[in-house]
Amino acid sequence: MTSRQVIKALKAAGWVIDRTTKHCILKRDGKTVPVPVHGAKDLPIGTLKSVERITGVKLT
């Protein structure tokens, strides 16, 4: 799953982009989650699991 797909899924779940640099920072309900942006490369499974744990959104 690419970072673009992850960001799209999180935005659909109500997360809002706060800022974008080498990581896209999303916020919701006082929580913050960074999503690394690495072009068209798939994100490592550990990164996806970490984002799932923080957000509660099922990605895999």
PDB file of N, CA and C in Angstrom:
ATOM      1  N   MET A   1       0.854  -1.167   0.000  1.00  0.00           N
ATOM      2  CA  MET A   1       0.000   0.000   0.000  1.00  0.00           C
ATOM      3  C   MET A   1       0.903   1.235   0.000  1.00  0.00           C
ATOM      4  N   THR A   2       0.661   2.157  -0.904  1.00  0.00           N
ATOM      5  CA  THR A   2       1.485   3.358  -1.005  1.00  0.00           C
ATOM      6  C   THR A   2       1.012   4.420  -0.016  1.00  0.00           C
ATOM      7  N   SER A   3       1.836   5.420   0.186  1.00  0.00           N
ATOM      8  CA  SER A   3       1.463   6.496   1.112  1.00  0.00           C
ATOM      9  C   SER A   3       0.233   7.240   0.601  1.00  0.00           C
ATOM     10  N   ARG A   4       0.114   7.382  -0.697  1.00  0.00           N
ATOM     11  CA  ARG A   4      -1.060   8.061  -1.269  1.00  0.00           C
ATOM     12  C   ARG A   4      -2.346   7.307  -0.922  1.00  0.00           C
ATOM     13  N   GLN A   5      -2.311   5.978  -0.998  1.00  0.00           N
ATOM     14  CA  GLN A   5      -3.477   5.161  -0.662  1.00  0.00           C
ATOM     15  C   GLN A   5      -3.803   5.260   0.826  1.00  0.00           C
ATOM     16  N   VAL A   6      -2.773   5.281   1.665  1.00  0.00           N
ATOM     17  CA  VAL A   6      -2.974   5.393   3.113  1.00  0.00           C
ATOM     18  C   VAL A   6      -3.607   6.741   3.447  1.00  0.00           C
ATOM     19  N   ILE A   7      -3.082   7.811   2.878  1.00  0.00           N
ATOM     20  CA  ILE A   7      -3.607   9.154   3.142  1.00  0.00           C
ATOM     21  C   ILE A   7      -5.052   9.255   2.670  1.00  0.00           C
ATOM     22  N   LYS A   8      -5.362   8.681   1.516  1.00  0.00           N
ATOM     23  CA  LYS A   8      -6.731   8.696   0.996  1.00  0.00           C
ATOM     24  C   LYS A   8      -7.688   7.967   1.949  1.00  0.00           C
ATOM     25  N   ALA A   9      -7.259   6.815   2.469  1.00  0.00           N
ATOM     26  CA  ALA A   9      -8.090   6.043   3.398  1.00  0.00           C
ATOM     27  C   ALA A   9      -8.305   6.804   4.705  1.00  0.00           C
ATOM     28  N   LEU A  10      -7.251   7.455   5.200  1.00  0.00           N
ATOM     29  CA  LEU A  10      -7.373   8.209   6.447  1.00  0.00           C
ATOM     30  C   LEU A  10      -8.265   9.434   6.263  1.00  0.00           C
ATOM     31  N   LYS A  11      -8.149  10.114   5.130  1.00  0.00           N
ATOM     32  CA  LYS A  11      -9.006  11.273   4.868  1.00  0.00           C
ATOM     33  C   LYS A  11     -10.472  10.845   4.795  1.00  0.00           C
ATOM     34  N   ALA A  12     -10.732   9.669   4.215  1.00  0.00           N
ATOM     35  CA  ALA A  12     -12.099   9.150   4.135  1.00  0.00           C
ATOM     36  C   ALA A  12     -12.651   8.831   5.523  1.00  0.00           C
ATOM     37  N   ALA A  13     -11.748   8.530   6.473  1.00  0.00           N
ATOM     38  CA  ALA A  13     -12.155   8.211   7.846  1.00  0.00           C
ATOM     39  C   ALA A  13     -12.233   9.457   8.727  1.00  0.00           C
ATOM     40  N   GLY A  14     -12.039  10.633   8.135  1.00  0.00           N
ATOM     41  CA  GLY A  14     -12.202  11.869   8.896  1.00  0.00           C
ATOM     42  C   GLY A  14     -10.924  12.533   9.353  1.00  0.00           C
ATOM     43  N   TRP A  15      -9.765  11.998   9.000  1.00  0.00           N
ATOM     44  CA  TRP A  15      -8.486  12.610   9.357  1.00  0.00           C
ATOM     45  C   TRP A  15      -8.221  13.769   8.415  1.00  0.00           C
ATOM     46  N   VAL A  16      -7.589  14.823   8.925  1.00  0.00           N
ATOM     47  CA  VAL A  16      -7.335  16.041   8.159  1.00  0.00           C
ATOM     48  C   VAL A  16      -5.826  16.261   8.056  1.00  0.00           C
ATOM     49  N   ILE A  17      -5.365  16.626   6.858  1.00  0.00           N
ATOM     50  CA  ILE A  17      -3.938  16.907   6.667  1.00  0.00           C
ATOM     51  C   ILE A  17      -3.595  18.212   7.367  1.00  0.00           C
ATOM     52  N   ASP A  18      -2.615  18.149   8.270  1.00  0.00           N
ATOM     53  CA  ASP A  18      -2.148  19.331   8.988  1.00  0.00           C
ATOM     54  C   ASP A  18      -1.024  20.005   8.214  1.00  0.00           C
ATOM     55  N   ARG A  19      -0.051  19.204   7.782  1.00  0.00           N
ATOM     56  CA  ARG A  19       1.051  19.730   6.974  1.00  0.00           C
ATOM     57  C   ARG A  19       1.721  18.574   6.238  1.00  0.00           C
ATOM     58  N   THR A  20       2.470  18.924   5.197  1.00  0.00           N
ATOM     59  CA  THR A  20       3.148  17.917   4.398  1.00  0.00           C
ATOM     60  C   THR A  20       4.583  18.351   4.150  1.00  0.00           C
ATOM     61  N   THR A  21       5.521  17.491   4.475  1.00  0.00           N
ATOM     62  CA  THR A  21       6.935  17.670   4.140  1.00  0.00           C
ATOM     63  C   THR A  21       7.395  16.312   3.623  1.00  0.00           C
ATOM     64  N   LYS A  22       8.390  15.715   4.229  1.00  0.00           N
ATOM     65  CA  LYS A  22       8.763  14.344   3.876  1.00  0.00           C
ATOM     66  C   LYS A  22       7.788  13.349   4.491  1.00  0.00           C
ATOM     67  N   HIS A  23       7.017  13.830   5.470  1.00  0.00           N
ATOM     68  CA  HIS A  23       5.944  13.052   6.074  1.00  0.00           C
ATOM     69  C   HIS A  23       4.677  13.887   5.986  1.00  0.00           C
ATOM     70  N   CYS A  24       3.572  13.225   5.726  1.00  0.00           N
ATOM     71  CA  CYS A  24       2.282  13.900   5.737  1.00  0.00           C
ATOM     72  C   CYS A  24       1.728  13.741   7.154  1.00  0.00           C
ATOM     73  N   ILE A  25       1.452  14.847   7.824  1.00  0.00           N
ATOM     74  CA  ILE A  25       0.966  14.820   9.196  1.00  0.00           C
ATOM     75  C   ILE A  25      -0.551  14.994   9.165  1.00  0.00           C
ATOM     76  N   LEU A  26      -1.273  14.010   9.707  1.00  0.00           N
ATOM     77  CA  LEU A  26      -2.727  14.070   9.762  1.00  0.00           C
ATOM     78  C   LEU A  26      -3.175  14.168  11.208  1.00  0.00           C
ATOM     79  N   LYS A  27      -4.284  14.891  11.436  1.00  0.00           N
ATOM     80  CA  LYS A  27      -4.803  15.083  12.795  1.00  0.00           C
ATOM     81  C   LYS A  27      -6.298  14.792  12.843  1.00  0.00           C
ATOM     82  N   ARG A  28      -6.717  14.346  14.039  1.00  0.00           N
ATOM     83  CA  ARG A  28      -8.147  14.162  14.317  1.00  0.00           C
ATOM     84  C   ARG A  28      -8.319  13.928  15.810  1.00  0.00           C
ATOM     85  N   ASP A  29      -9.236  14.618  16.411  1.00  0.00           N
ATOM     86  CA  ASP A  29      -9.571  14.444  17.828  1.00  0.00           C
ATOM     87  C   ASP A  29      -8.349  14.521  18.743  1.00  0.00           C
ATOM     88  N   GLY A  30      -7.446  15.440  18.460  1.00  0.00           N
ATOM     89  CA  GLY A  30      -6.267  15.616  19.292  1.00  0.00           C
ATOM     90  C   GLY A  30      -5.152  14.616  19.048  1.00  0.00           C
ATOM     91  N   LYS A  31      -5.369  13.655  18.172  1.00  0.00           N
ATOM     92  CA  LYS A  31      -4.340  12.672  17.828  1.00  0.00           C
ATOM     93  C   LYS A  31      -3.623  13.119  16.559  1.00  0.00           C
ATOM     94  N   THR A  32      -2.353  12.773  16.465  1.00  0.00           N
ATOM     95  CA  THR A  32      -1.539  13.105  15.300  1.00  0.00           C
ATOM     96  C   THR A  32      -0.861  11.842  14.802  1.00  0.00           C
ATOM     97  N   VAL A  33      -0.846  11.662  13.480  1.00  0.00           N
ATOM     98  CA  VAL A  33      -0.167  10.507  12.893  1.00  0.00           C
ATOM     99  C   VAL A  33       0.665  10.968  11.697  1.00  0.00           C
ATOM    100  N   PRO A  34       1.959  10.617  11.696  1.00  0.00           N
ATOM    101  CA  PRO A  34       2.789  10.916  10.527  1.00  0.00           C
ATOM    102  C   PRO A  34       2.751   9.753   9.532  1.00  0.00           C
ATOM    103  N   VAL A  35       2.624  10.076   8.254  1.00  0.00           N
ATOM    104  CA  VAL A  35       2.678   9.063   7.200  1.00  0.00           C
ATOM    105  C   VAL A  35       3.836   9.434   6.279  1.00  0.00           C
ATOM    106  N   PRO A  36       4.869   8.592   6.194  1.00  0.00           N
ATOM    107  CA  PRO A  36       5.999   8.911   5.325  1.00  0.00           C
ATOM    108  C   PRO A  36       5.578   8.937   3.856  1.00  0.00           C
ATOM    109  N   VAL A  37       6.118   9.889   3.107  1.00  0.00           N
ATOM    110  CA  VAL A  37       5.803  10.014   1.684  1.00  0.00           C
ATOM    111  C   VAL A  37       7.048   9.613   0.897  1.00  0.00           C
ATOM    112  N   HIS A  38       6.956   8.473   0.200  1.00  0.00           N
ATOM    113  CA  HIS A  38       8.091   7.965  -0.566  1.00  0.00           C
ATOM    114  C   HIS A  38       7.671   7.621  -1.987  1.00  0.00           C
ATOM    115  N   GLY A  39       6.977   8.525  -2.630  1.00  0.00           N
ATOM    116  CA  GLY A  39       6.586   8.312  -4.021  1.00  0.00           C
ATOM    117  C   GLY A  39       5.662   7.122  -4.185  1.00  0.00           C
ATOM    118  N   ALA A  40       5.959   6.297  -5.183  1.00  0.00           N
ATOM    119  CA  ALA A  40       5.095   5.164  -5.508  1.00  0.00           C
ATOM    120  C   ALA A  40       5.494   3.886  -4.775  1.00  0.00           C
ATOM    121  N   LYS A  41       6.462   3.955  -3.866  1.00  0.00           N
ATOM    122  CA  LYS A  41       6.896   2.765  -3.127  1.00  0.00           C
ATOM    123  C   LYS A  41       5.848   2.359  -2.091  1.00  0.00           C
ATOM    124  N   ASP A  42       5.723   1.057  -1.886  1.00  0.00           N
ATOM    125  CA  ASP A  42       4.850   0.559  -0.825  1.00  0.00           C
ATOM    126  C   ASP A  42       5.485   0.839   0.531  1.00  0.00           C
ATOM    127  N   LEU A  43       4.640   1.169   1.504  1.00  0.00           N
ATOM    128  CA  LEU A  43       5.126   1.394   2.862  1.00  0.00           C
ATOM    129  C   LEU A  43       5.388   0.040   3.525  1.00  0.00           C
ATOM    130  N   PRO A  44       6.390  -0.043   4.383  1.00  0.00           N
ATOM    131  CA  PRO A  44       6.665  -1.298   5.098  1.00  0.00           C
ATOM    132  C   PRO A  44       5.471  -1.704   5.973  1.00  0.00           C
ATOM    133  N   ILE A  45       5.287  -2.996   6.166  1.00  0.00           N
ATOM    134  CA  ILE A  45       4.153  -3.510   6.937  1.00  0.00           C
ATOM    135  C   ILE A  45       4.162  -2.979   8.364  1.00  0.00           C
ATOM    136  N   GLY A  46       5.336  -2.811   8.959  1.00  0.00           N
ATOM    137  CA  GLY A  46       5.421  -2.272  10.319  1.00  0.00           C
ATOM    138  C   GLY A  46       4.902  -0.847  10.403  1.00  0.00           C
ATOM    139  N   THR A  47       5.160  -0.056   9.375  1.00  0.00           N
ATOM    140  CA  THR A  47       4.663   1.318   9.325  1.00  0.00           C
ATOM    141  C   THR A  47       3.144   1.322   9.207  1.00  0.00           C
ATOM    142  N   LEU A  48       2.614   0.448   8.364  1.00  0.00           N
ATOM    143  CA  LEU A  48       1.157   0.355   8.212  1.00  0.00           C
ATOM    144  C   LEU A  48       0.495  -0.054   9.526  1.00  0.00           C
ATOM    145  N   LYS A  49       1.080  -1.025  10.219  1.00  0.00           N
ATOM    146  CA  LYS A  49       0.525  -1.479  11.502  1.00  0.00           C
ATOM    147  C   LYS A  49       0.565  -0.359  12.533  1.00  0.00           C
ATOM    148  N   SER A  50       1.622   0.432  12.527  1.00  0.00           N
ATOM    149  CA  SER A  50       1.741   1.554  13.455  1.00  0.00           C
ATOM    150  C   SER A  50       0.657   2.595  13.185  1.00  0.00           C
ATOM    151  N   VAL A  51       0.434   2.906  11.910  1.00  0.00           N
ATOM    152  CA  VAL A  51      -0.612   3.864  11.544  1.00  0.00           C
ATOM    153  C   VAL A  51      -1.980   3.314  11.940  1.00  0.00           C
ATOM    154  N   GLU A  52      -2.210   2.019  11.722  1.00  0.00           N
ATOM    155  CA  GLU A  52      -3.473   1.390  12.127  1.00  0.00           C
ATOM    156  C   GLU A  52      -3.681   1.501  13.633  1.00  0.00           C
ATOM    157  N   ARG A  53      -2.629   1.251  14.397  1.00  0.00           N
ATOM    158  CA  ARG A  53      -2.724   1.288  15.858  1.00  0.00           C
ATOM    159  C   ARG A  53      -3.067   2.698  16.349  1.00  0.00           C
ATOM    160  N   ILE A  54      -2.451   3.705  15.759  1.00  0.00           N
ATOM    161  CA  ILE A  54      -2.692   5.084  16.182  1.00  0.00           C
ATOM    162  C   ILE A  54      -4.082   5.556  15.766  1.00  0.00           C
ATOM    163  N   THR A  55      -4.493   5.226  14.534  1.00  0.00           N
ATOM    164  CA  THR A  55      -5.736   5.777  13.989  1.00  0.00           C
ATOM    165  C   THR A  55      -6.963   4.913  14.243  1.00  0.00           C
ATOM    166  N   GLY A  56      -6.771   3.617  14.382  1.00  0.00           N
ATOM    167  CA  GLY A  56      -7.918   2.721  14.508  1.00  0.00           C
ATOM    168  C   GLY A  56      -8.553   2.392  13.167  1.00  0.00           C
ATOM    169  N   VAL A  57      -7.917   2.798  12.069  1.00  0.00           N
ATOM    170  CA  VAL A  57      -8.418   2.540  10.720  1.00  0.00           C
ATOM    171  C   VAL A  57      -7.716   1.304  10.170  1.00  0.00           C
ATOM    172  N   LYS A  58      -8.486   0.323   9.684  1.00  0.00           N
ATOM    173  CA  LYS A  58      -7.923  -0.909   9.125  1.00  0.00           C
ATOM    174  C   LYS A  58      -7.397  -0.618   7.724  1.00  0.00           C
ATOM    175  N   LEU A  59      -6.093  -0.831   7.511  1.00  0.00           N
ATOM    176  CA  LEU A  59      -5.461  -0.521   6.227  1.00  0.00           C
ATOM    177  C   LEU A  59      -5.063  -1.759   5.439  1.00  0.00           C
ATOM    178  N   THR A  60      -4.745  -2.864   6.111  1.00  0.00           N
ATOM    179  CA  THR A  60      -4.259  -4.048   5.397  1.00  0.00           C
ATOM    180  C   THR A  60      -5.312  -5.122   5.312  1.00  0.00           C
TER     181      THR A  60
END
